[in-house]
Structures are given as C-alpha cells and as structure tokens.
C-alpha cells in the first residue's frame, strides 16, 4: 500500500545548483544517471507521434514500480513523452515499510541530496527530450517531491501533486517558483489535511505563484492507487482529467 507519513525537518535555505557529479545516458526505455557515485535508472514511455511535451513522474515512497510505469504509458497515449524517475537508486532495498521510511527519511533530512537527485533526473530526461514544455507530477511522497522541485525553482513549466505531503520545511518558500502549481487532494487525507492545504495555498498566493487546487470530498490519502484501502475510482478519474486540462492549458 502506498502511504506516507509526512516529515518536516528544519533546514536552511539551500543552493539551487547541482553540487554532485552527474553522468547520464539513455537506451531503450531507460534513462540512467548518477549522483555522487550512486546509480539511478528512470523509465521512459515515448509518444508515438510528435510529443506535446515531456512529463516527469516522481514515484511513491516504495520506489519506482509498475504503478508509475503505467501512468507513464497513460501519458504517452495522450501524446506526451513521459519519464518516471528514480530517487532511491538501483541498489536500494525496498522490501517493506522500514525500507521505505529509510529511503524517504534520508531525503527529507538532507534536502541538498533530495534536490540533487531531482535535478539529475530532470537534466538527464531533458537531454533526451524531443521538444515542447516540461512538467513534473508525483504521487504521495512523489507529490512532496514535486513541491520540493517547485520551491527549488528548477525551471519546469508546471508542477502537479497528487495526494502529496503539503508541509513546507523551515527555511523554504515558493519565491523561486515561476510556473503554475496544481494540487489534487482528498478532503479526508489523514497525512496532510485541509489545514495543510489552506496553509500551502496561502503561501503560493503570497509568493505570487499561479496556482489551483481540486479537492475530492471524502477521498483519503492514496485515492489514485487501485487496490489500496483508500482507492476512490471517481476521485482517481477526476484527478486525471484535471491533470490533462492543466497540461493542455499550460502547453
């Protein structure tokens, strides 16, 4: 089951530049890159036609798996090149909740590393790009990662969080965010509730960031994940439709 306990750690304002050596190459349906000697591998699904743009997908707390790959295929079917990125590394052991907490907790504690991995994945994917604008979306932990990317001002053209962790760490804000943000959230989410959503909306407003939110009444945390106890088919379909409208509007 894809769940996430949102952790907030105090940090100082971080440099945006990538401070780790990065090597990247693409082959087949993979894009491989490295950060500080650690190897990562993302999954690529390309549009069969000239792409409408590129969409990066950040995985949930249990790592890149068939869920994100299926979302990448759905995006490719809609005319986008989609890249499901890897933030944990090809050697990460991901066999249960303790492993998931270890990997996510390490990134929440080290925001420099968190941003370095995000930027390496984005740089590697954009180097293989076929044109158009670039967006990033994410689910649960991936939603929190999308907001980290937005706060870092990594130059993407839009940011979309599906039932993500919404807290802003001490020392961070949205003054570097220069593209629209869309929040897709359940009103009954026990991880980041409506107070967290209201706080984030106020932060985006105060920073002058173009933003929007769609709230799905009664939906809990992992409402897009079929088979989970929180799955809500209606909210899943409506949130996907909201993503499609967002991408079209911001192309």
Protein backbone atom coordinates (compact mmCIF):
# COMPACT_ATOMS: atom_id res chain seq x y z
CA UNK A 1 0.00 0.00 0.00
CA UNK A 2 1.23 3.42 -0.88
CA UNK A 3 1.12 5.58 2.25
CA UNK A 4 3.36 8.32 3.56
CA UNK A 5 3.93 9.90 6.93
CA UNK A 6 4.87 13.45 6.15
CA UNK A 7 8.03 14.55 7.91
CA UNK A 8 9.13 18.13 8.31
CA UNK A 9 12.68 18.96 9.15
CA UNK A 10 14.18 22.38 9.80
CA UNK A 11 16.72 23.37 7.19
CA UNK A 12 18.42 26.48 5.98
CA UNK A 13 17.91 27.94 2.52
CA UNK A 14 19.58 25.63 0.00
CA UNK A 15 21.65 26.40 -3.06
CA UNK A 16 19.88 25.52 -6.28
CA UNK A 17 22.94 24.45 -8.21
CA UNK A 18 23.74 20.76 -8.52
CA UNK A 19 26.85 20.01 -6.50
CA UNK A 20 27.21 16.34 -7.36
CA UNK A 21 28.85 14.90 -10.48
CA UNK A 22 26.21 13.58 -12.88
CA UNK A 23 26.56 11.22 -15.81
CA UNK A 24 23.54 10.27 -17.91
CA UNK A 25 22.67 8.18 -20.92
CA UNK A 26 19.52 6.74 -22.41
CA UNK A 27 18.96 3.37 -24.02
CA UNK A 28 15.75 1.57 -24.86
CA UNK A 29 13.07 2.64 -22.40
CA UNK A 30 15.50 3.64 -19.65
CA UNK A 31 17.42 6.77 -18.74
CA UNK A 32 20.38 6.16 -16.47
CA UNK A 33 22.16 8.79 -14.39
CA UNK A 34 24.36 9.01 -11.33
CA UNK A 35 24.64 11.33 -8.37
CA UNK A 36 27.74 11.32 -6.19
CA UNK A 37 28.68 7.81 -7.34
CA UNK A 38 25.19 6.33 -6.83
CA UNK A 39 23.38 4.89 -9.86
CA UNK A 40 19.76 5.60 -10.78
CA UNK A 41 17.53 4.43 -13.63
CA UNK A 42 14.30 6.00 -14.82
CA UNK A 43 11.66 4.53 -17.09
CA UNK A 44 10.67 6.18 -20.40
CA UNK A 45 7.46 5.93 -22.41
CA UNK A 46 7.52 7.94 -25.64
CA UNK A 47 4.58 9.27 -27.58
CA UNK A 48 4.10 7.56 -30.93
CA UNK A 49 3.62 10.98 -32.51
CA UNK A 50 5.45 14.28 -32.19
CA UNK A 51 5.27 14.88 -28.43
CA UNK A 52 3.10 17.56 -26.88
CA UNK A 53 5.79 17.91 -24.19
CA UNK A 54 7.58 15.90 -21.51
CA UNK A 55 6.11 14.86 -18.18
CA UNK A 56 8.32 13.64 -15.35
CA UNK A 57 6.70 11.36 -12.76
CA UNK A 58 8.05 11.02 -9.21
CA UNK A 59 7.31 7.71 -7.51
CA UNK A 60 5.65 6.99 -4.17
CA UNK A 61 7.56 6.04 -1.02
CA UNK A 62 8.05 2.42 -2.17
CA UNK A 63 10.11 3.41 -5.20
CA UNK A 64 9.65 3.28 -8.96
CA UNK A 65 7.44 0.34 -9.89
CA UNK A 66 4.65 -0.72 -12.26
CA UNK A 67 2.32 1.96 -10.90
CA UNK A 68 4.44 4.84 -12.18
CA UNK A 69 5.25 2.94 -15.36
CA UNK A 70 1.53 2.54 -16.05
CA UNK A 71 0.99 6.27 -15.52
CA UNK A 72 3.85 6.95 -17.95
CA UNK A 73 2.11 4.75 -20.53
CA UNK A 74 -1.15 6.64 -19.99
CA UNK A 75 0.66 9.92 -20.63
CA UNK A 76 2.35 8.56 -23.75
CA UNK A 77 -1.07 7.53 -25.04
CA UNK A 78 -2.12 11.17 -24.61
CA UNK A 79 0.79 12.38 -26.74
CA UNK A 80 3.44 13.14 -24.11
CA UNK A 81 6.89 11.74 -23.61
CA UNK A 82 6.81 10.50 -20.00
CA UNK A 83 9.76 9.75 -17.74
CA UNK A 84 9.20 8.01 -14.40
CA UNK A 85 12.27 8.99 -12.42
CA UNK A 86 14.13 7.08 -9.71
CA UNK A 87 15.12 8.86 -6.49
CA UNK A 88 16.29 5.87 -4.43
CA UNK A 89 18.87 4.23 -6.70
CA UNK A 90 19.10 0.91 -8.49
CA UNK A 91 20.69 -0.79 -5.47
CA UNK A 92 18.08 0.35 -2.94
CA UNK A 93 16.49 -2.47 -0.94
CA UNK A 94 12.74 -1.88 -0.93
CA UNK A 95 11.03 -4.81 0.73
CA UNK A 96 8.71 -3.16 3.25
CA UNK A 97 7.73 -0.15 5.29
CA UNK A 98 11.00 0.08 7.20
CA UNK A 99 12.89 0.27 3.91
CA UNK A 100 10.52 2.87 2.52
CA UNK A 101 10.88 5.00 5.67
CA UNK A 102 14.66 4.72 5.47
CA UNK A 103 14.82 5.97 1.90
CA UNK A 104 12.27 8.76 2.21
CA UNK A 105 13.53 9.82 5.63
CA UNK A 106 17.08 10.17 4.33
CA UNK A 107 15.92 12.59 1.64
CA UNK A 108 13.69 14.58 3.97
CA UNK A 109 16.66 15.01 6.30
CA UNK A 110 19.09 16.00 3.53
CA UNK A 111 17.35 18.47 1.24
CA UNK A 112 20.55 19.13 -0.71
CA UNK A 113 20.67 15.47 -1.69
CA UNK A 114 16.94 15.43 -2.36
CA UNK A 115 17.28 18.32 -4.80
CA UNK A 116 20.44 16.94 -6.37
CA UNK A 117 18.68 13.69 -7.27
CA UNK A 118 15.65 15.51 -8.64
CA UNK A 119 17.81 17.81 -10.75
CA UNK A 120 19.95 14.94 -12.05
CA UNK A 121 16.86 13.05 -13.18
CA UNK A 122 15.36 16.13 -14.82
CA UNK A 123 18.62 17.06 -16.55
CA UNK A 124 19.05 13.52 -17.87
CA UNK A 125 15.49 13.40 -19.16
CA UNK A 126 15.62 16.82 -20.77
CA UNK A 127 18.87 15.91 -22.52
CA UNK A 128 16.87 13.22 -24.32
CA UNK A 129 13.89 15.47 -24.93
CA UNK A 130 12.13 15.88 -28.26
CA UNK A 131 10.81 19.38 -27.73
CA UNK A 132 7.92 21.06 -26.01
CA UNK A 133 7.47 22.11 -22.42
CA UNK A 134 8.40 20.01 -19.39
CA UNK A 135 6.18 19.26 -16.39
CA UNK A 136 6.53 17.19 -13.24
CA UNK A 137 3.87 15.23 -11.36
CA UNK A 138 4.04 12.93 -8.36
CA UNK A 139 2.00 10.73 -6.05
CA UNK A 140 2.17 10.73 -2.20
CA UNK A 141 5.92 11.01 -1.49
CA UNK A 142 6.22 11.96 -5.14
CA UNK A 143 3.80 14.82 -4.57
CA UNK A 144 6.03 16.12 -1.79
CA UNK A 145 9.00 15.78 -4.16
CA UNK A 146 7.15 17.82 -6.80
CA UNK A 147 6.72 20.65 -4.28
CA UNK A 148 10.41 20.39 -3.36
CA UNK A 149 11.19 20.82 -7.05
CA UNK A 150 8.87 23.82 -7.27
CA UNK A 151 10.47 25.52 -4.26
CA UNK A 152 13.90 24.91 -5.79
CA UNK A 153 12.90 26.75 -8.95
CA UNK A 154 14.21 24.11 -11.34
CA UNK A 155 12.75 25.77 -14.41
CA UNK A 156 9.94 23.37 -15.26
CA UNK A 157 6.70 24.59 -16.82
CA UNK A 158 4.27 23.17 -14.28
CA UNK A 159 4.04 21.17 -11.05
CA UNK A 160 1.25 18.76 -10.07
CA UNK A 161 0.90 17.00 -6.71
CA UNK A 162 -1.49 14.06 -6.29
CA UNK A 163 -2.27 13.47 -2.59
CA UNK A 164 1.21 14.65 -1.66
CA UNK A 165 2.76 15.80 1.58
CA UNK A 166 2.00 19.53 1.68
CA UNK A 167 4.17 20.82 4.54
CA UNK A 168 6.87 23.39 3.79
CA UNK A 169 10.15 22.81 5.65
CA UNK A 170 11.57 25.58 7.80
CA UNK A 171 13.76 27.88 5.73
CA UNK A 172 11.99 27.14 2.44
CA UNK A 173 9.35 29.07 0.50
CA UNK A 174 7.93 29.49 -3.01
CA UNK A 175 9.68 32.67 -4.06
CA UNK A 176 11.70 30.73 -6.68
CA UNK A 177 8.62 29.06 -8.19
CA UNK A 178 7.97 30.57 -11.63
CA UNK A 179 5.42 28.13 -13.10
CA UNK A 180 1.88 27.04 -12.18
CA UNK A 181 1.20 24.59 -9.35
CA UNK A 182 -1.82 22.27 -9.22
CA UNK A 183 -2.78 20.44 -6.02
CA UNK A 184 -5.07 17.40 -6.25
CA UNK A 185 -6.07 16.32 -2.77
CA UNK A 186 -8.65 14.39 -0.78
CA UNK A 187 -10.64 16.20 1.90
CA UNK A 188 -10.25 13.22 4.26
CA UNK A 189 -6.49 12.80 3.78
CA UNK A 190 -5.08 11.95 7.25
CA UNK A 191 -1.48 12.71 6.24
CA UNK A 192 -1.84 16.29 5.01
CA UNK A 193 -5.24 17.65 5.97
CA UNK A 194 -7.26 20.67 4.95
CA UNK A 195 -5.33 22.97 7.30
CA UNK A 196 -2.12 21.99 5.48
CA UNK A 197 -3.77 22.61 2.12
CA UNK A 198 -5.05 26.04 3.20
CA UNK A 199 -1.60 26.98 4.51
CA UNK A 200 0.05 25.97 1.24
CA UNK A 201 -2.49 27.88 -0.84
CA UNK A 202 -1.78 30.99 1.23
CA UNK A 203 1.97 30.52 0.71
CA UNK A 204 1.51 30.24 -3.06
CA UNK A 205 -0.75 33.28 -3.11
CA UNK A 206 1.68 35.35 -1.05
CA UNK A 207 4.56 34.32 -3.35
CA UNK A 208 2.59 35.33 -6.45
CA UNK A 209 2.60 31.78 -7.84
CA UNK A 210 -0.10 30.81 -10.33
CA UNK A 211 -1.89 28.00 -8.53
CA UNK A 212 -5.06 25.96 -8.31
CA UNK A 213 -6.43 23.07 -6.26
CA UNK A 214 -9.12 20.46 -6.69
CA UNK A 215 -10.39 18.80 -3.52
CA UNK A 216 -12.20 15.47 -3.72
CA UNK A 217 -14.77 15.21 -0.97
CA UNK A 218 -14.31 12.21 1.31
CA UNK A 219 -11.22 10.94 -0.53
CA UNK A 220 -8.44 9.71 1.72
CA UNK A 221 -4.70 9.56 1.16
CA UNK A 222 -3.93 7.15 -1.69
CA UNK A 223 -7.12 7.74 -3.64
CA UNK A 224 -5.47 7.10 -7.04
CA UNK A 225 -3.94 3.73 -6.11
CA UNK A 226 -6.17 0.85 -7.20
CA UNK A 227 -6.14 -1.96 -4.66
CA UNK A 228 -5.32 0.28 -1.71
CA UNK A 229 -7.82 0.76 1.10
CA UNK A 230 -8.04 4.45 0.13
CA UNK A 231 -8.76 3.94 -3.57
CA UNK A 232 -11.56 6.12 -4.90
CA UNK A 233 -12.30 5.42 -8.56
CA UNK A 234 -14.25 8.64 -9.06
CA UNK A 235 -11.56 10.83 -7.49
CA UNK A 236 -8.90 8.95 -9.47
CA UNK A 237 -10.65 9.63 -12.78
CA UNK A 238 -11.46 13.24 -11.94
CA UNK A 239 -7.92 14.00 -10.81
CA UNK A 240 -6.51 12.53 -14.03
CA UNK A 241 -8.88 14.70 -16.02
CA UNK A 242 -7.68 17.71 -14.01
CA UNK A 243 -4.08 16.84 -14.92
CA UNK A 244 -4.96 16.63 -18.62
CA UNK A 245 -6.62 20.03 -18.51
CA UNK A 246 -3.63 21.51 -16.66
CA UNK A 247 -1.16 20.18 -19.25
CA UNK A 248 -3.24 21.43 -22.16
CA UNK A 249 -3.73 24.83 -20.57
CA UNK A 250 -0.02 25.32 -19.93
CA UNK A 251 1.45 23.99 -23.17
